[in-house]
């Protein structure tokens, strides 16, 4: 009998495609109106320049394109440095929508069928592919036709990574890694420990970046304090600059890590400022940018040791966590380093770009070397931490054996002593003659 394989019923595909399209519509109904609100606010602020009404939709779609990673040319300048805090928020919104799509698709088809081995992946791929295309296509059309966006290789790469990482995160959150070819060999415990360690490293790296910024502000306080004095209203300018810098917080923190690692931050092609090198270049009057211009004390050259210490502490702190990391050994450590590198590389691509004239025409850390250097320094500390855990475990194990060996001879000596005493007593009893008086009984003595 010949078995005929027919194509799967189109009903699940129609339902999956419709669900993916509805999720994209939900996202667009949040993002597009928000972009218009921001554009209207900026249009009102710039009303003194008699800007036309057509600037509002142009700015709205330009903002959407920039946040998603594309490059935009408007007002005579190139803008390709995304406000990374807004980008993170949009990424979470897209990832949450993709997660709902993956969950509903998995509910319709929980596992592969023996009759149709590739049907499950075809259905899941259709769902996530539809989601990506439905989000990217209107964005590209509106950004190019209205928002004056230019599709450069870097911009397309950033948009691609923006969507792929969001979809991959959503799929793994729903299904895990067991369904992904090549990753199924990784044990669930190893994956869980590695992801937890990578998450801890990312939060610790963000904290370290903030600490480096605070130390830099303390060292260069006079330059930072004089920044707002050039404006007509220093207080209002200071508040506005703080708000603007907060929108770029992830990029600023990553730039601080790149400065610490030694790869530095480029300033408009005029030079690179890092823990090892200094530069003097004209920069706009913004607090964090003033930290890049000028010299630092010689002891700041030891800044990479902070990244090594970060990796070391994230591995050894916490007895239970350290025990879990030691149990997964180098496999879990290498996987955590890989996850960390991917996250840092995506951040590096979004942390650099153009944001106007002067020092912002080509600003940011190197996308090729910064993530690699940061991961390398942290990886050295992680390897040292794992070695310390192993050495401490061997020492504890040796100490336990030593204590057992010390206790065992004492027991053996005590047992041997008691045995010898018993033997001596028995021998003495055997050698001692019995008294003859016990055998002689006086007949007159009452018994």
Protein backbone atom coordinates (compact mmCIF):
# COMPACT_ATOMS: atom_id res chain seq x y z
CA UNK A 1 0.00 0.00 0.00
CA UNK A 2 1.40 3.40 -0.95
CA UNK A 3 0.99 6.22 1.58
CA UNK A 4 0.20 9.56 0.01
CA UNK A 5 1.22 12.72 1.86
CA UNK A 6 -1.12 15.60 1.21
CA UNK A 7 -0.50 19.22 2.02
CA UNK A 8 -1.67 20.35 5.43
CA UNK A 9 -5.10 21.84 5.76
CA UNK A 10 -4.99 25.57 4.97
CA UNK A 11 -7.20 26.49 7.92
CA UNK A 12 -4.38 26.61 10.52
CA UNK A 13 -2.27 28.71 8.13
CA UNK A 14 -5.06 31.23 7.56
CA UNK A 15 -5.68 31.50 11.28
CA UNK A 16 -1.95 31.87 12.00
CA UNK A 17 -1.42 34.55 9.34
CA UNK A 18 -4.45 36.48 10.55
CA UNK A 19 -3.20 36.34 14.17
CA UNK A 20 0.25 37.62 13.12
CA UNK A 21 -1.27 40.49 11.13
CA UNK A 22 -3.46 41.50 14.07
CA UNK A 23 -0.45 41.64 16.38
CA UNK A 24 1.37 43.94 13.94
CA UNK A 25 -1.70 46.17 13.69
CA UNK A 26 -1.73 46.48 17.50
CA UNK A 27 1.91 47.55 17.49
CA UNK A 28 1.40 50.07 14.67
CA UNK A 29 -1.59 51.58 16.46
CA UNK A 30 0.73 52.37 19.36
CA UNK A 31 3.91 53.38 17.53
CA UNK A 32 2.55 55.57 14.73
CA UNK A 33 0.30 57.81 16.89
CA UNK A 34 3.12 58.17 19.42
CA UNK A 35 5.45 59.28 16.62
CA UNK A 36 2.93 61.90 15.46
CA UNK A 37 2.53 63.23 19.01
CA UNK A 38 6.29 63.70 19.35
CA UNK A 39 6.47 65.29 15.89
CA UNK A 40 3.69 67.73 16.75
CA UNK A 41 5.49 68.74 19.95
CA UNK A 42 8.70 69.44 18.03
CA UNK A 43 6.74 71.29 15.34
CA UNK A 44 5.19 73.56 17.98
CA UNK A 45 8.62 74.22 19.50
CA UNK A 46 10.01 75.11 16.06
CA UNK A 47 7.01 77.16 14.99
CA UNK A 48 9.14 80.30 15.06
CA UNK A 49 10.89 79.02 11.95
CA UNK A 50 7.56 78.88 10.10
CA UNK A 51 7.88 75.18 9.40
CA UNK A 52 5.26 73.73 7.05
CA UNK A 53 2.68 71.23 8.20
CA UNK A 54 4.30 68.59 6.02
CA UNK A 55 7.15 68.43 8.54
CA UNK A 56 4.88 66.63 11.04
CA UNK A 57 4.38 63.34 9.11
CA UNK A 58 7.97 63.51 7.87
CA UNK A 59 9.32 63.73 11.41
CA UNK A 60 6.88 61.10 12.71
CA UNK A 61 7.97 58.43 10.23
CA UNK A 62 11.60 59.54 10.45
CA UNK A 63 11.47 58.95 14.20
CA UNK A 64 9.96 55.48 13.70
CA UNK A 65 12.67 54.65 11.17
CA UNK A 66 15.50 55.95 13.38
CA UNK A 67 14.27 54.08 16.44
CA UNK A 68 14.13 50.87 14.38
CA UNK A 69 17.74 51.34 13.25
CA UNK A 70 17.46 53.07 9.85
CA UNK A 71 19.33 56.20 8.78
CA UNK A 72 17.43 59.44 8.11
CA UNK A 73 18.44 62.70 6.39
CA UNK A 74 16.38 65.71 7.42
CA UNK A 75 16.94 69.40 8.20
CA UNK A 76 20.21 69.15 6.28
CA UNK A 77 21.79 66.60 8.65
CA UNK A 78 22.14 62.83 8.85
CA UNK A 79 20.53 61.09 11.81
CA UNK A 80 21.45 57.46 12.36
CA UNK A 81 22.05 57.34 16.12
CA UNK A 82 18.88 55.87 17.54
CA UNK A 83 17.50 57.01 20.91
CA UNK A 84 18.37 53.64 22.37
CA UNK A 85 16.05 53.81 25.37
CA UNK A 86 13.10 54.23 23.00
CA UNK A 87 14.56 51.46 20.84
CA UNK A 88 14.61 49.10 23.82
CA UNK A 89 10.98 49.95 24.57
CA UNK A 90 9.95 49.32 20.96
CA UNK A 91 11.95 46.08 20.93
CA UNK A 92 10.08 44.86 24.01
CA UNK A 93 6.78 45.79 22.35
CA UNK A 94 7.67 43.86 19.17
CA UNK A 95 9.05 40.91 21.14
CA UNK A 96 5.88 40.71 23.24
CA UNK A 97 3.74 40.63 20.09
CA UNK A 98 5.93 37.93 18.55
CA UNK A 99 5.64 35.96 21.78
CA UNK A 100 1.86 35.99 21.57
CA UNK A 101 2.05 34.84 17.95
CA UNK A 102 4.41 31.99 18.85
CA UNK A 103 2.26 30.93 21.81
CA UNK A 104 -0.96 30.82 19.78
CA UNK A 105 0.78 28.92 16.97
CA UNK A 106 2.24 26.41 19.42
CA UNK A 107 -1.21 25.91 20.92
CA UNK A 108 -2.66 25.08 17.48
CA UNK A 109 0.19 22.65 16.71
CA UNK A 110 1.90 21.55 19.95
CA UNK A 111 4.33 19.09 18.31
CA UNK A 112 5.42 17.64 15.02
CA UNK A 113 3.31 14.93 13.41
CA UNK A 114 4.75 11.66 12.19
CA UNK A 115 2.72 11.98 9.01
CA UNK A 116 4.02 15.51 8.34
CA UNK A 117 7.46 15.93 9.98
CA UNK A 118 8.05 19.45 8.69
CA UNK A 119 4.53 20.72 9.17
CA UNK A 120 5.14 22.16 12.63
CA UNK A 121 8.15 24.20 11.58
CA UNK A 122 6.35 25.33 8.43
CA UNK A 123 3.44 26.62 10.51
CA UNK A 124 5.71 28.35 13.04
CA UNK A 125 7.88 29.81 10.29
CA UNK A 126 4.81 31.12 8.50
CA UNK A 127 3.59 32.80 11.68
CA UNK A 128 6.85 34.49 12.61
CA UNK A 129 7.75 35.29 8.99
CA UNK A 130 4.39 36.96 8.46
CA UNK A 131 4.90 38.97 11.64
CA UNK A 132 8.34 40.23 10.51
CA UNK A 133 7.24 41.10 6.96
CA UNK A 134 4.04 42.80 8.11
CA UNK A 135 6.05 45.00 10.49
CA UNK A 136 9.04 45.77 8.25
CA UNK A 137 7.25 46.40 4.93
CA UNK A 138 5.04 49.36 6.00
CA UNK A 139 7.96 50.77 8.01
CA UNK A 140 10.32 50.75 5.02
CA UNK A 141 7.72 52.19 2.63
CA UNK A 142 6.67 55.00 4.97
CA UNK A 143 10.22 55.77 6.06
CA UNK A 144 11.60 56.00 2.52
CA UNK A 145 8.68 57.83 0.88
CA UNK A 146 7.71 60.16 3.73
CA UNK A 147 10.40 60.04 6.42
CA UNK A 148 13.38 60.73 4.11
CA UNK A 149 15.09 57.52 5.22
CA UNK A 150 18.03 56.05 3.34
CA UNK A 151 18.41 52.28 3.35
CA UNK A 152 22.12 51.88 4.02
CA UNK A 153 23.77 48.50 4.69
CA UNK A 154 24.26 49.41 8.35
CA UNK A 155 20.66 50.57 8.72
CA UNK A 156 19.30 47.43 7.06
CA UNK A 157 21.53 45.27 9.28
CA UNK A 158 20.29 47.00 12.42
CA UNK A 159 16.65 46.64 11.38
CA UNK A 160 17.26 42.98 10.56
CA UNK A 161 18.89 42.32 13.95
CA UNK A 162 16.16 44.31 15.69
CA UNK A 163 13.47 42.00 14.30
CA UNK A 164 15.40 38.72 14.39
CA UNK A 165 16.46 39.10 18.02
CA UNK A 166 12.91 40.00 19.06
CA UNK A 167 11.43 36.99 17.26
CA UNK A 168 14.17 34.64 18.51
CA UNK A 169 13.62 35.79 22.11
CA UNK A 170 9.87 35.26 21.74
CA UNK A 171 10.27 31.75 20.30
CA UNK A 172 12.74 30.65 22.98
CA UNK A 173 10.53 32.03 25.75
CA UNK A 174 7.61 29.96 24.44
CA UNK A 175 9.27 26.74 23.25
CA UNK A 176 12.79 26.73 24.70
CA UNK A 177 15.76 25.55 22.65
CA UNK A 178 14.77 21.90 22.25
CA UNK A 179 13.12 22.53 18.86
CA UNK A 180 16.02 24.50 17.38
CA UNK A 181 18.40 22.38 15.26
CA UNK A 182 21.91 22.47 16.64
CA UNK A 183 20.87 23.66 20.10
CA UNK A 184 18.90 20.58 21.12
CA UNK A 185 22.11 18.96 22.38
CA UNK A 186 22.34 21.58 25.14
CA UNK A 187 20.81 20.37 28.37
CA UNK A 188 18.00 22.40 29.91
CA UNK A 189 19.96 22.93 33.14
CA UNK A 190 22.97 24.22 31.20
CA UNK A 191 20.81 26.63 29.22
CA UNK A 192 19.04 27.91 32.33
CA UNK A 193 22.27 28.52 34.23
CA UNK A 194 23.92 30.19 31.22
CA UNK A 195 21.00 32.52 30.56
CA UNK A 196 20.85 33.48 34.23
CA UNK A 197 24.58 34.21 34.28
CA UNK A 198 24.38 36.28 31.07
CA UNK A 199 21.48 38.28 32.47
CA UNK A 200 23.43 38.94 35.67
CA UNK A 201 26.45 40.04 33.63
CA UNK A 202 24.40 42.49 31.57
CA UNK A 203 22.86 44.15 34.63
CA UNK A 204 26.26 44.29 36.33
CA UNK A 205 27.80 45.81 33.19
CA UNK A 206 25.09 48.50 33.12
CA UNK A 207 25.84 49.29 36.78
CA UNK A 208 29.57 49.46 36.03
CA UNK A 209 28.94 51.83 33.13
CA UNK A 210 26.95 54.12 35.43
CA UNK A 211 29.76 54.03 38.02
CA UNK A 212 32.34 54.95 35.37
CA UNK A 213 30.19 57.91 34.30
CA UNK A 214 29.84 59.13 37.88
CA UNK A 215 33.60 58.88 38.44
CA UNK A 216 34.22 60.76 35.19
CA UNK A 217 31.83 63.53 36.22
CA UNK A 218 33.61 63.85 39.58
CA UNK A 219 37.03 64.05 37.91
CA UNK A 220 35.87 66.53 35.27
CA UNK A 221 33.34 68.39 37.38
CA UNK A 222 34.47 71.86 36.33
CA UNK A 223 34.01 71.09 32.61
CA UNK A 224 30.63 69.45 33.19
CA UNK A 225 29.39 72.32 35.38
CA UNK A 226 30.38 74.91 32.78
CA UNK A 227 28.44 73.08 30.04
CA UNK A 228 25.06 74.70 30.71
CA UNK A 229 26.51 78.16 31.30
CA UNK A 230 26.68 78.80 27.55
CA UNK A 231 22.88 78.66 27.29
CA UNK A 232 20.62 81.62 27.95
CA UNK A 233 18.69 79.70 30.61
CA UNK A 234 21.11 77.30 32.33
CA UNK A 235 18.45 75.65 34.50
CA UNK A 236 16.07 74.92 31.64
CA UNK A 237 18.98 73.82 29.45
CA UNK A 238 20.25 71.50 32.16
CA UNK A 239 16.85 69.84 32.58
CA UNK A 240 16.41 69.47 28.83
CA UNK A 241 19.89 67.98 28.38
CA UNK A 242 19.27 65.47 31.16
CA UNK A 243 16.03 64.34 29.48
CA UNK A 244 17.72 64.04 26.08
CA UNK A 245 20.65 62.09 27.52
CA UNK A 246 18.23 59.75 29.30
CA UNK A 247 16.75 58.83 25.90
CA UNK A 248 20.21 57.60 24.87
CA UNK A 249 21.01 55.93 28.21
CA UNK A 250 21.76 52.40 26.90
CA UNK A 251 24.11 53.79 24.24
CA UNK A 252 25.82 56.04 26.79
CA UNK A 253 26.33 53.16 29.21
CA UNK A 254 27.75 50.97 26.45
CA UNK A 255 30.07 53.79 25.39
CA UNK A 256 31.30 53.99 28.98
CA UNK A 257 32.06 50.26 28.89
CA UNK A 258 33.87 50.67 25.57
CA UNK A 259 35.93 53.51 27.08
CA UNK A 260 36.77 51.24 30.03
CA UNK A 261 37.75 48.32 27.80
CA UNK A 262 40.19 50.50 25.87
CA UNK A 263 38.43 50.50 22.49
CA UNK A 264 37.11 53.96 23.26
CA UNK A 265 34.55 56.26 21.67
CA UNK A 266 35.16 58.09 18.40
CA UNK A 267 34.29 61.78 18.18
CA UNK A 268 33.39 62.90 14.68
CA UNK A 269 36.44 61.30 13.13
CA UNK A 270 38.72 63.66 15.11
CA UNK A 271 40.01 60.98 17.43
CA UNK A 272 39.13 58.34 19.98
CA UNK A 273 38.84 58.82 23.70
CA UNK A 274 39.51 55.79 25.90
CA UNK A 275 41.15 54.72 29.12
CA UNK A 276 44.44 54.46 27.21
CA UNK A 277 44.23 57.46 24.88
CA UNK A 278 42.90 61.00 25.03
CA UNK A 279 41.79 63.39 22.32
CA UNK A 280 40.85 67.01 21.90
CA UNK A 281 37.99 67.66 19.53
CA UNK A 282 35.11 70.14 19.35
CA UNK A 283 32.00 68.60 20.86
CA UNK A 284 28.54 70.04 21.54
CA UNK A 285 27.81 71.38 24.99
CA UNK A 286 26.34 68.19 26.40
CA UNK A 287 27.38 66.73 29.76
CA UNK A 288 28.47 63.25 28.70
CA UNK A 289 30.18 64.52 25.56
CA UNK A 290 32.37 66.85 27.58
CA UNK A 291 33.77 63.76 29.33
CA UNK A 292 35.31 62.61 26.04
CA UNK A 293 37.36 65.76 25.48
CA UNK A 294 40.58 66.12 27.45
CA UNK A 295 43.02 64.11 29.51
CA UNK A 296 42.50 61.82 32.50
CA UNK A 297 44.85 60.75 35.32
CA UNK A 298 47.35 58.01 34.57
CA UNK A 299 45.68 55.55 36.94
CA UNK A 300 42.62 55.35 34.66
CA UNK A 301 44.70 53.08 32.38
CA UNK A 302 43.88 50.28 34.84
CA UNK A 303 40.16 50.60 34.03
CA UNK A 304 39.95 47.24 32.14
CA UNK A 305 40.61 45.52 35.48
CA UNK A 306 37.09 46.60 36.46
CA UNK A 307 35.64 44.43 33.68
CA UNK A 308 37.76 41.48 34.79
CA UNK A 309 36.57 41.99 38.37
CA UNK A 310 32.96 42.19 37.15
CA UNK A 311 33.21 38.79 35.45
CA UNK A 312 34.91 37.28 38.49
CA UNK A 313 32.31 38.52 40.98
CA UNK A 314 29.33 37.51 38.83
CA UNK A 315 30.63 33.94 38.82
CA UNK A 316 31.71 33.45 42.44
CA UNK A 317 29.12 35.49 44.37
CA UNK A 318 26.28 33.40 45.75
CA UNK A 319 26.97 29.89 46.99
CA UNK A 320 24.07 28.27 45.14
CA UNK A 321 24.79 30.12 41.90
CA UNK A 322 28.48 29.32 42.09
CA UNK A 323 27.65 25.65 42.66
CA UNK A 324 25.35 25.65 39.61
CA UNK A 325 27.99 27.32 37.44
CA UNK A 326 30.63 24.85 38.59
CA UNK A 327 28.26 21.96 37.81
CA UNK A 328 27.87 23.14 34.20
CA UNK A 329 31.64 23.71 33.92
CA UNK A 330 33.16 25.26 30.80
CA UNK A 331 30.16 24.41 28.60
CA UNK A 332 27.85 26.65 30.60
CA UNK A 333 30.48 29.37 30.90
CA UNK A 334 31.13 29.42 27.16
CA UNK A 335 27.43 29.56 26.39
CA UNK A 336 26.97 32.51 28.76
CA UNK A 337 29.88 34.32 27.10
CA UNK A 338 28.31 33.72 23.68
CA UNK A 339 24.95 35.15 24.79
CA UNK A 340 26.73 38.13 26.34
CA UNK A 341 28.66 38.81 23.13
CA UNK A 342 25.52 38.70 20.96
CA UNK A 343 23.73 41.17 23.25
CA UNK A 344 26.72 43.51 23.38
CA UNK A 345 27.26 43.38 19.62
CA UNK A 346 23.65 44.40 18.97
CA UNK A 347 24.07 47.26 21.46
CA UNK A 348 27.31 48.28 19.75
CA UNK A 349 25.57 48.55 16.37
CA UNK A 350 22.90 50.82 17.84
CA UNK A 351 25.32 52.87 20.00
CA UNK A 352 27.08 54.57 17.09
CA UNK A 353 25.97 56.81 14.26
CA UNK A 354 25.36 60.41 13.29
CA UNK A 355 23.26 62.88 15.25
CA UNK A 356 23.94 66.25 13.66
CA UNK A 357 27.06 68.34 13.02
CA UNK A 358 30.41 68.72 14.80
CA UNK A 359 31.36 65.89 17.10
CA UNK A 360 28.10 64.07 16.48
CA UNK A 361 28.64 63.57 12.74
CA UNK A 362 30.28 60.20 13.44
CA UNK A 363 29.92 59.44 17.10
CA UNK A 364 30.10 56.22 19.08
CA UNK A 365 32.16 53.15 19.89
CA UNK A 366 33.49 50.81 17.22
CA UNK A 367 30.90 48.20 16.30
CA UNK A 368 33.63 45.77 15.27
CA UNK A 369 35.94 45.82 18.29
CA UNK A 370 34.08 47.25 21.28
CA UNK A 371 31.78 44.29 21.97
CA UNK A 372 34.64 41.85 21.39
CA UNK A 373 36.96 43.70 23.80
CA UNK A 374 34.32 44.06 26.53
CA UNK A 375 33.38 40.39 26.27
CA UNK A 376 37.05 39.39 26.29
CA UNK A 377 37.87 41.26 29.50
CA UNK A 378 34.75 39.96 31.23
CA UNK A 379 35.45 36.43 29.95
CA UNK A 380 38.89 36.50 31.56
CA UNK A 381 37.29 37.27 34.92
CA UNK A 382 34.66 34.57 34.42
CA UNK A 383 37.31 31.94 33.65
CA UNK A 384 39.26 32.98 36.74
CA UNK A 385 36.08 32.73 38.81
CA UNK A 386 35.34 29.21 37.61
CA UNK A 387 38.92 28.16 38.38
CA UNK A 388 38.60 29.59 41.89
CA UNK A 389 35.35 27.70 42.44
CA UNK A 390 36.98 24.47 41.29
CA UNK A 391 40.05 25.02 43.45
CA UNK A 392 37.90 25.81 46.48
CA UNK A 393 35.85 22.68 45.78
CA UNK A 394 38.97 20.53 45.59
CA UNK A 395 40.28 22.09 48.79
CA UNK A 396 36.99 21.42 50.58
CA UNK A 397 36.96 17.85 49.30
CA UNK A 398 40.58 17.33 50.39
CA UNK A 399 39.78 18.82 53.80
CA UNK A 400 36.89 16.41 54.28
CA UNK A 401 39.05 13.45 53.41
CA UNK A 402 41.77 14.72 55.73
CA UNK A 403 39.30 15.09 58.59
CA UNK A 404 38.01 11.59 57.99
CA UNK A 405 41.56 10.27 57.96
CA UNK A 406 42.31 12.06 61.21
CA UNK A 407 39.19 10.72 62.87
CA UNK A 408 39.63 7.15 61.62
CA UNK A 409 43.07 6.50 63.25
CA UNK A 410 41.76 7.70 66.61
CA UNK A 411 38.88 5.27 66.43
CA UNK A 412 41.24 2.54 65.29
CA UNK A 413 43.64 3.25 68.15
CA UNK A 414 40.82 3.26 70.66
CA UNK A 415 39.41 0.02 69.28
CA UNK A 416 42.84 -1.56 69.21
CA UNK A 417 43.51 -0.42 72.77
CA UNK A 418 40.26 -1.86 74.00
CA UNK A 419 40.97 -5.13 72.19
CA UNK A 420 44.42 -5.37 73.72
CA UNK A 421 42.98 -4.65 77.16
CA UNK A 422 40.41 -7.40 76.75
CA UNK A 423 43.09 -9.80 75.60
CA UNK A 424 45.28 -8.90 78.58
CA UNK A 425 42.44 -9.38 81.01
CA UNK A 426 41.49 -12.71 79.48
CA UNK A 427 45.07 -13.86 79.51
CA UNK A 428 45.45 -12.82 83.12
CA UNK A 429 42.28 -14.69 84.03
CA UNK A 430 43.50 -17.77 82.21
CA UNK A 431 46.94 -17.70 83.84
CA UNK A 432 45.67 -17.15 87.36
CA UNK A 433 45.22 -20.56 89.19
CA UNK A 434 41.95 -21.30 90.82
CA UNK A 435 41.98 -21.39 94.64
CA UNK A 436 41.90 -24.89 96.16
CA UNK A 437 39.92 -23.56 99.10
CA UNK A 438 36.96 -23.22 96.80
CA UNK A 439 37.03 -26.96 96.19
CA UNK A 440 37.29 -27.93 99.83
CA UNK A 441 34.03 -27.63 101.60
CA UNK A 442 33.71 -28.12 105.32
CA UNK A 443 30.99 -30.60 105.99
CA UNK A 444 30.09 -28.86 109.25
CA UNK A 445 29.66 -25.49 107.42
CA UNK A 446 26.15 -24.99 106.37
CA UNK A 447 25.72 -24.91 102.63
